[in-house]
Amino acid sequence: MRVRKLTTFAALAVAASLSLTACNGDDVASGDSSSDSSASSSGGSEQSGGQDSAGKDSGGEKPAPAGKDSAGSGSGSGQSGKGGKCRTDNLDITASDSTIDGDPDGTVAVTFKNGGADCGLSGFAGVDLKTSAGDISATRAGQGASPMTLKSGESVSFSISYPINDSGGSGVKVTSLVVTPPGETKSFTTEWPGGGSLPVTDGSGSSVKVHPIGSAGQGGPQ
């Protein structure tokens, strides 16, 4: 009878031990799964935050594409800087005597100074002299100037040649100079800075010559 009780007690103890071991194993497994799930959730949150911040500046706005300003208009690069013909109203026109001693003819230099935007010049200016005998239109001499750009603030000159009156007579008195820029219709009138008179001609042609733009001074915009 005693032997049976001891055997039964031993069996119960073994069963209790096995049950306790099984419970401990379930707890460990459950703890590992929870830990893995937490780590996975934490890692996913960090990755999502990195994507949200990419491609934006500190203000939360996407930066402008390369090659454009902050407005993205690029309006500055669309301007070529090239203007149309030089207009009389935008030119400061002056004339001065530039005759060199010993030359057979007298010379007047006319200067265009650009007071407006960049503009184009080419060919010949129109030149007329107001005289006591009526208007004298200068004839063109040489080849016309190639197209050039006269930038704002720059100057360019051309020359007018005329015969010097050494006849001893009063000749033809010059009262003023009328200049019309190339391609323009509006003229500018100024005092004639050259010799006070021209010799009387036989009317076979004008003795006053206008030379191409750039023919006086250094020969180009300054």
C-alpha atoms as a PDB file:
ATOM      1  CA  MET A   1       0.000   0.000   0.000  1.00  0.00           C
ATOM      2  CA  ARG A   2       2.818   2.339   0.858  1.00  0.00           C
ATOM      3  CA  VAL A   3       4.663   1.483  -2.316  1.00  0.00           C
ATOM      4  CA  ARG A   4       1.654   2.404  -4.432  1.00  0.00           C
ATOM      5  CA  LYS A   5       1.319   5.806  -2.745  1.00  0.00           C
ATOM      6  CA  LEU A   6       4.985   6.624  -3.335  1.00  0.00           C
ATOM      7  CA  THR A   7       4.709   5.634  -6.962  1.00  0.00           C
ATOM      8  CA  THR A   8       1.626   7.779  -7.451  1.00  0.00           C
ATOM      9  CA  PHE A   9       3.269  10.770  -5.756  1.00  0.00           C
ATOM     10  CA  ALA A  10       6.359  10.440  -7.971  1.00  0.00           C
ATOM     11  CA  ALA A  11       4.199  10.351 -11.064  1.00  0.00           C
ATOM     12  CA  LEU A  12       2.377  13.495  -9.996  1.00  0.00           C
ATOM     13  CA  ALA A  13       5.660  15.312  -9.328  1.00  0.00           C
ATOM     14  CA  VAL A  14       7.015  14.437 -12.744  1.00  0.00           C
ATOM     15  CA  ALA A  15       3.798  15.624 -14.402  1.00  0.00           C
ATOM     16  CA  ALA A  16       3.928  18.932 -12.503  1.00  0.00           C
ATOM     17  CA  SER A  17       7.532  19.452 -13.507  1.00  0.00           C
ATOM     18  CA  LEU A  18       6.754  18.876 -17.172  1.00  0.00           C
ATOM     19  CA  SER A  19       3.812  21.266 -17.031  1.00  0.00           C
ATOM     20  CA  LEU A  20       5.947  24.007 -15.450  1.00  0.00           C
ATOM     21  CA  THR A  21       8.650  23.592 -18.103  1.00  0.00           C
ATOM     22  CA  ALA A  22       6.087  23.883 -20.894  1.00  0.00           C
ATOM     23  CA  CYS A  23       4.693  27.120 -19.461  1.00  0.00           C
ATOM     24  CA  ASN A  24       8.154  28.662 -19.185  1.00  0.00           C
ATOM     25  CA  GLY A  25       8.875  27.776 -22.815  1.00  0.00           C
ATOM     26  CA  ASP A  26       5.688  29.486 -24.024  1.00  0.00           C
ATOM     27  CA  ASP A  27       6.598  32.644 -22.112  1.00  0.00           C
ATOM     28  CA  VAL A  28      10.060  32.816 -23.695  1.00  0.00           C
ATOM     29  CA  ALA A  29       8.703  32.316 -27.181  1.00  0.00           C
ATOM     30  CA  SER A  30       6.048  34.925 -26.622  1.00  0.00           C
ATOM     31  CA  GLY A  31       8.659  37.412 -25.370  1.00  0.00           C
ATOM     32  CA  ASP A  32      10.932  36.917 -28.408  1.00  0.00           C
ATOM     33  CA  SER A  33       8.060  37.511 -30.817  1.00  0.00           C
ATOM     34  CA  SER A  34       7.055  40.747 -29.088  1.00  0.00           C
ATOM     35  CA  SER A  35      10.646  42.011 -29.153  1.00  0.00           C
ATOM     36  CA  ASP A  36      11.043  41.281 -32.862  1.00  0.00           C
ATOM     37  CA  SER A  37       7.746  42.987 -33.672  1.00  0.00           C
ATOM     38  CA  SER A  38       8.755  46.112 -31.723  1.00  0.00           C
ATOM     39  CA  ALA A  39      12.114  46.315 -33.469  1.00  0.00           C
ATOM     40  CA  SER A  40      10.497  45.916 -36.856  1.00  0.00           C
ATOM     41  CA  SER A  41       7.977  48.653 -36.124  1.00  0.00           C
ATOM     42  CA  SER A  42      10.703  51.021 -34.942  1.00  0.00           C
ATOM     43  CA  GLY A  43      12.835  50.451 -38.054  1.00  0.00           C
ATOM     44  CA  GLY A  44       9.913  51.065 -40.404  1.00  0.00           C
ATOM     45  CA  SER A  45       9.123  54.389 -38.765  1.00  0.00           C
ATOM     46  CA  GLU A  46      12.692  55.691 -39.217  1.00  0.00           C
ATOM     47  CA  GLN A  47      12.744  54.781 -42.913  1.00  0.00           C
ATOM     48  CA  SER A  48       9.445  56.561 -43.566  1.00  0.00           C
ATOM     49  CA  GLY A  49      10.759  59.759 -41.940  1.00  0.00           C
ATOM     50  CA  GLY A  50      13.796  59.808 -44.254  1.00  0.00           C
ATOM     51  CA  GLN A  51      11.640  59.686 -47.382  1.00  0.00           C
ATOM     52  CA  ASP A  52       9.466  62.570 -46.245  1.00  0.00           C
ATOM     53  CA  SER A  53      12.446  64.883 -45.753  1.00  0.00           C
ATOM     54  CA  ALA A  54      14.203  64.038 -49.024  1.00  0.00           C
ATOM     55  CA  GLY A  55      13.891  66.484 -51.952  1.00  0.00           C
ATOM     56  CA  LYS A  56      12.785  69.479 -49.870  1.00  0.00           C
ATOM     57  CA  ASP A  57      14.664  72.457 -48.506  1.00  0.00           C
ATOM     58  CA  SER A  58      14.495  73.784 -44.963  1.00  0.00           C
ATOM     59  CA  GLY A  59      11.266  75.589 -45.752  1.00  0.00           C
ATOM     60  CA  GLY A  60       9.551  72.403 -46.835  1.00  0.00           C
ATOM     61  CA  GLU A  61       9.510  73.410 -50.495  1.00  0.00           C
ATOM     62  CA  LYS A  62      11.109  71.483 -53.326  1.00  0.00           C
ATOM     63  CA  PRO A  63      14.255  73.213 -54.656  1.00  0.00           C
ATOM     64  CA  ALA A  64      14.115  74.852 -58.087  1.00  0.00           C
ATOM     65  CA  PRO A  65      15.545  72.772 -60.977  1.00  0.00           C
ATOM     66  CA  ALA A  66      19.167  73.407 -61.851  1.00  0.00           C
ATOM     67  CA  GLY A  67      19.743  76.337 -64.182  1.00  0.00           C
ATOM     68  CA  LYS A  68      16.769  78.405 -63.004  1.00  0.00           C
ATOM     69  CA  ASP A  69      16.417  81.066 -60.363  1.00  0.00           C
ATOM     70  CA  SER A  70      14.173  80.765 -57.337  1.00  0.00           C
ATOM     71  CA  ALA A  71      11.198  81.980 -59.365  1.00  0.00           C
ATOM     72  CA  GLY A  72      11.883  79.441 -62.082  1.00  0.00           C
ATOM     73  CA  SER A  73      11.173  81.982 -64.802  1.00  0.00           C
ATOM     74  CA  GLY A  74      14.647  82.374 -66.287  1.00  0.00           C
ATOM     75  CA  SER A  75      13.464  85.653 -67.714  1.00  0.00           C
ATOM     76  CA  GLY A  76      16.915  87.153 -67.615  1.00  0.00           C
ATOM     77  CA  SER A  77      18.314  84.612 -70.073  1.00  0.00           C
ATOM     78  CA  GLY A  78      15.551  85.329 -72.581  1.00  0.00           C
ATOM     79  CA  GLN A  79      16.843  88.825 -73.334  1.00  0.00           C
ATOM     80  CA  SER A  80      19.274  88.937 -76.268  1.00  0.00           C
ATOM     81  CA  GLY A  81      20.490  92.539 -75.571  1.00  0.00           C
ATOM     82  CA  LYS A  82      20.277  93.398 -79.268  1.00  0.00           C
ATOM     83  CA  GLY A  83      18.391  96.559 -80.168  1.00  0.00           C
ATOM     84  CA  GLY A  84      17.061  98.015 -83.393  1.00  0.00           C
ATOM     85  CA  LYS A  85      18.455 100.897 -85.401  1.00  0.00           C
ATOM     86  CA  CYS A  86      20.018 103.801 -83.541  1.00  0.00           C
ATOM     87  CA  ARG A  87      17.462 106.582 -83.299  1.00  0.00           C
ATOM     88  CA  THR A  88      18.174 110.278 -83.508  1.00  0.00           C
ATOM     89  CA  ASP A  89      16.436 110.958 -80.198  1.00  0.00           C
ATOM     90  CA  ASN A  90      18.797 108.545 -78.391  1.00  0.00           C
ATOM     91  CA  LEU A  91      22.011 109.903 -79.898  1.00  0.00           C
ATOM     92  CA  ASP A  92      24.077 112.818 -78.663  1.00  0.00           C
ATOM     93  CA  ILE A  93      25.353 114.242 -81.961  1.00  0.00           C
ATOM     94  CA  THR A  94      28.331 116.606 -81.990  1.00  0.00           C
ATOM     95  CA  ALA A  95      30.591 117.988 -84.721  1.00  0.00           C
ATOM     96  CA  SER A  96      34.144 119.318 -84.536  1.00  0.00           C
ATOM     97  CA  ASP A  97      36.811 120.595 -86.904  1.00  0.00           C
ATOM     98  CA  SER A  98      39.451 117.907 -87.436  1.00  0.00           C
ATOM     99  CA  THR A  99      41.333 119.388 -90.377  1.00  0.00           C
ATOM    100  CA  ILE A 100      45.026 118.538 -90.422  1.00  0.00           C
ATOM    101  CA  ASP A 101      47.444 121.231 -91.562  1.00  0.00           C
ATOM    102  CA  GLY A 102      48.757 120.509 -95.019  1.00  0.00           C
ATOM    103  CA  ASP A 103      45.759 118.483 -96.181  1.00  0.00           C
ATOM    104  CA  PRO A 104      44.197 119.713 -99.434  1.00  0.00           C
ATOM    105  CA  ASP A 105      40.683 119.352 -98.010  1.00  0.00           C
ATOM    106  CA  GLY A 106      39.078 120.375 -94.755  1.00  0.00           C
ATOM    107  CA  THR A 107      37.605 117.727 -92.439  1.00  0.00           C
ATOM    108  CA  VAL A 108      34.787 117.767 -89.922  1.00  0.00           C
ATOM    109  CA  ALA A 109      34.268 114.827 -87.555  1.00  0.00           C
ATOM    110  CA  VAL A 110      30.736 113.989 -86.464  1.00  0.00           C
ATOM    111  CA  THR A 111      30.303 111.842 -83.361  1.00  0.00           C
ATOM    112  CA  PHE A 112      27.320 109.745 -82.319  1.00  0.00           C
ATOM    113  CA  LYS A 113      27.185 108.956 -78.601  1.00  0.00           C
ATOM    114  CA  ASN A 114      24.526 106.434 -77.649  1.00  0.00           C
ATOM    115  CA  GLY A 115      22.394 107.602 -74.756  1.00  0.00           C
ATOM    116  CA  GLY A 116      19.866 104.773 -75.024  1.00  0.00           C
ATOM    117  CA  ALA A 117      19.878 100.982 -75.295  1.00  0.00           C
ATOM    118  CA  ASP A 118      22.286  99.066 -77.533  1.00  0.00           C
ATOM    119  CA  CYS A 119      21.464  99.787 -81.169  1.00  0.00           C
ATOM    120  CA  GLY A 120      22.724  99.125 -84.693  1.00  0.00           C
ATOM    121  CA  LEU A 121      24.547 101.312 -87.205  1.00  0.00           C
ATOM    122  CA  SER A 122      25.792 100.642 -90.711  1.00  0.00           C
ATOM    123  CA  GLY A 123      26.447 102.372 -94.027  1.00  0.00           C
ATOM    124  CA  PHE A 124      26.388 106.156 -94.249  1.00  0.00           C
ATOM    125  CA  ALA A 125      24.773 108.999 -92.390  1.00  0.00           C
ATOM    126  CA  GLY A 126      22.938 111.654 -94.331  1.00  0.00           C
ATOM    127  CA  VAL A 127      24.739 115.035 -94.438  1.00  0.00           C
ATOM    128  CA  ASP A 128      23.452 118.360 -95.737  1.00  0.00           C
ATOM    129  CA  LEU A 129      24.985 121.800 -95.447  1.00  0.00           C
ATOM    130  CA  LYS A 130      22.834 124.905 -95.181  1.00  0.00           C
ATOM    131  CA  THR A 131      24.543 127.626 -97.186  1.00  0.00           C
ATOM    132  CA  SER A 132      23.951 131.062 -98.584  1.00  0.00           C
ATOM    133  CA  ALA A 133      23.444 129.453-101.978  1.00  0.00           C
ATOM    134  CA  GLY A 134      20.975 126.829-100.772  1.00  0.00           C
ATOM    135  CA  ASP A 135      21.300 123.303 -99.390  1.00  0.00           C
ATOM    136  CA  ILE A 136      24.248 121.127-100.391  1.00  0.00           C
ATOM    137  CA  SER A 137      23.900 117.365 -99.953  1.00  0.00           C
ATOM    138  CA  ALA A 138      27.135 115.474 -99.364  1.00  0.00           C
ATOM    139  CA  THR A 139      27.897 112.564-101.663  1.00  0.00           C
ATOM    140  CA  ARG A 140      29.090 109.208-100.346  1.00  0.00           C
ATOM    141  CA  ALA A 141      32.742 108.282-100.557  1.00  0.00           C
ATOM    142  CA  GLY A 142      34.071 104.733-100.260  1.00  0.00           C
ATOM    143  CA  GLN A 143      32.275 101.620 -99.094  1.00  0.00           C
ATOM    144  CA  GLY A 144      29.572 101.814 -96.444  1.00  0.00           C
ATOM    145  CA  ALA A 145      30.385 100.608 -92.958  1.00  0.00           C
ATOM    146  CA  SER A 146      29.550  97.014 -92.061  1.00  0.00           C
ATOM    147  CA  PRO A 147      26.755  96.574 -89.491  1.00  0.00           C
ATOM    148  CA  MET A 148      27.943  97.317 -85.970  1.00  0.00           C
ATOM    149  CA  THR A 149      26.418  97.507 -82.505  1.00  0.00           C
ATOM    150  CA  LEU A 150      26.746 100.790 -80.659  1.00  0.00           C
ATOM    151  CA  LYS A 151      26.396  99.899 -77.007  1.00  0.00           C
ATOM    152  CA  SER A 152      24.856 102.197 -74.474  1.00  0.00           C
ATOM    153  CA  GLY A 153      27.348 104.945 -73.558  1.00  0.00           C
ATOM    154  CA  GLU A 154      29.663 104.227 -76.495  1.00  0.00           C
ATOM    155  CA  SER A 155      30.594 106.678 -79.249  1.00  0.00           C
ATOM    156  CA  VAL A 156      31.494 106.336 -82.912  1.00  0.00           C
ATOM    157  CA  SER A 157      32.505 108.988 -85.453  1.00  0.00           C
ATOM    158  CA  PHE A 158      32.554 109.572 -89.183  1.00  0.00           C
ATOM    159  CA  SER A 159      34.128 112.291 -91.263  1.00  0.00           C
ATOM    160  CA  ILE A 160      32.986 114.908 -93.746  1.00  0.00           C
ATOM    161  CA  SER A 161      35.507 116.290 -96.221  1.00  0.00           C
ATOM    162  CA  TYR A 162      35.069 119.568 -98.096  1.00  0.00           C
ATOM    163  CA  PRO A 163      37.193 121.831-100.302  1.00  0.00           C
ATOM    164  CA  ILE A 164      38.923 124.715 -98.593  1.00  0.00           C
ATOM    165  CA  ASN A 165      38.084 128.115-100.044  1.00  0.00           C
ATOM    166  CA  ASP A 166      41.432 129.606-100.995  1.00  0.00           C
ATOM    167  CA  SER A 167      40.134 131.500-104.011  1.00  0.00           C
ATOM    168  CA  GLY A 168      40.345 134.842-102.273  1.00  0.00           C
ATOM    169  CA  GLY A 169      36.646 135.428-102.829  1.00  0.00           C
ATOM    170  CA  SER A 170      33.811 135.231-100.332  1.00  0.00           C
ATOM    171  CA  GLY A 171      32.684 131.902-101.705  1.00  0.00           C
ATOM    172  CA  VAL A 172      29.567 130.154-100.429  1.00  0.00           C
ATOM    173  CA  LYS A 173      28.913 130.800 -96.767  1.00  0.00           C
ATOM    174  CA  VAL A 174      28.017 127.740 -94.662  1.00  0.00           C
ATOM    175  CA  THR A 175      25.435 128.413 -91.952  1.00  0.00           C
ATOM    176  CA  SER A 176      24.693 125.013 -90.399  1.00  0.00           C
ATOM    177  CA  LEU A 177      25.133 121.240 -90.630  1.00  0.00           C
ATOM    178  CA  VAL A 178      22.216 118.800 -90.856  1.00  0.00           C
ATOM    179  CA  VAL A 179      22.912 115.144 -89.916  1.00  0.00           C
ATOM    180  CA  THR A 180      20.568 112.176 -90.300  1.00  0.00           C
ATOM    181  CA  PRO A 181      21.688 108.860 -88.724  1.00  0.00           C
ATOM    182  CA  PRO A 182      21.679 105.799 -91.026  1.00  0.00           C
ATOM    183  CA  GLY A 183      18.205 104.392 -91.568  1.00  0.00           C
ATOM    184  CA  GLU A 184      16.561 107.338 -89.794  1.00  0.00           C
ATOM    185  CA  THR A 185      14.256 110.049 -91.132  1.00  0.00           C
ATOM    186  CA  LYS A 186      14.617 112.507 -88.258  1.00  0.00           C
ATOM    187  CA  SER A 187      17.523 114.938 -88.682  1.00  0.00           C
ATOM    188  CA  PHE A 188      19.663 116.868 -86.217  1.00  0.00           C
ATOM    189  CA  THR A 189      20.900 120.387 -86.962  1.00  0.00           C
ATOM    190  CA  THR A 190      24.066 121.855 -85.416  1.00  0.00           C
ATOM    191  CA  GLU A 191      26.567 124.611 -86.101  1.00  0.00           C
ATOM    192  CA  TRP A 192      29.105 124.045 -88.880  1.00  0.00           C
ATOM    193  CA  PRO A 193      32.551 123.862 -87.208  1.00  0.00           C
ATOM    194  CA  GLY A 194      34.589 123.828 -90.421  1.00  0.00           C
ATOM    195  CA  GLY A 195      35.741 126.604 -92.727  1.00  0.00           C
ATOM    196  CA  GLY A 196      33.309 129.481 -92.970  1.00  0.00           C
ATOM    197  CA  SER A 197      32.863 129.178 -96.719  1.00  0.00           C
ATOM    198  CA  LEU A 198      33.208 126.841 -99.649  1.00  0.00           C
ATOM    199  CA  PRO A 199      34.571 127.751-103.058  1.00  0.00           C
ATOM    200  CA  VAL A 200      32.020 128.447-105.732  1.00  0.00           C
ATOM    201  CA  THR A 201      31.604 125.460-108.017  1.00  0.00           C
ATOM    202  CA  ASP A 202      30.397 125.088-111.572  1.00  0.00           C
ATOM    203  CA  GLY A 203      27.445 122.951-110.420  1.00  0.00           C
ATOM    204  CA  SER A 204      28.863 119.716-111.874  1.00  0.00           C
ATOM    205  CA  GLY A 205      28.482 117.893-108.555  1.00  0.00           C
ATOM    206  CA  SER A 206      28.809 118.216-104.819  1.00  0.00           C
ATOM    207  CA  SER A 207      32.306 118.875-103.550  1.00  0.00           C
ATOM    208  CA  VAL A 208      31.308 117.793-100.007  1.00  0.00           C
ATOM    209  CA  LYS A 209      31.897 114.104 -99.206  1.00  0.00           C
ATOM    210  CA  VAL A 210      30.540 111.971 -96.365  1.00  0.00           C
ATOM    211  CA  HIS A 211      32.585 108.954 -95.296  1.00  0.00           C
ATOM    212  CA  PRO A 212      31.353 105.704 -93.646  1.00  0.00           C
ATOM    213  CA  ILE A 213      30.506 105.344 -89.979  1.00  0.00           C
ATOM    214  CA  GLY A 214      33.766 104.675 -88.115  1.00  0.00           C
ATOM    215  CA  SER A 215      35.922 106.581 -90.615  1.00  0.00           C
ATOM    216  CA  ALA A 216      37.039 109.177 -88.053  1.00  0.00           C
ATOM    217  CA  GLY A 217      39.046 108.667 -84.882  1.00  0.00           C
ATOM    218  CA  GLN A 218      39.852 105.030 -84.117  1.00  0.00           C
ATOM    219  CA  GLY A 219      37.472 103.679 -86.756  1.00  0.00           C
ATOM    220  CA  GLY A 220      34.991 101.987 -84.437  1.00  0.00           C
ATOM    221  CA  PRO A 221      32.883 102.361 -81.284  1.00  0.00           C
ATOM    222  CA  GLN A 222      34.776 103.790 -78.310  1.00  0.00           C
END
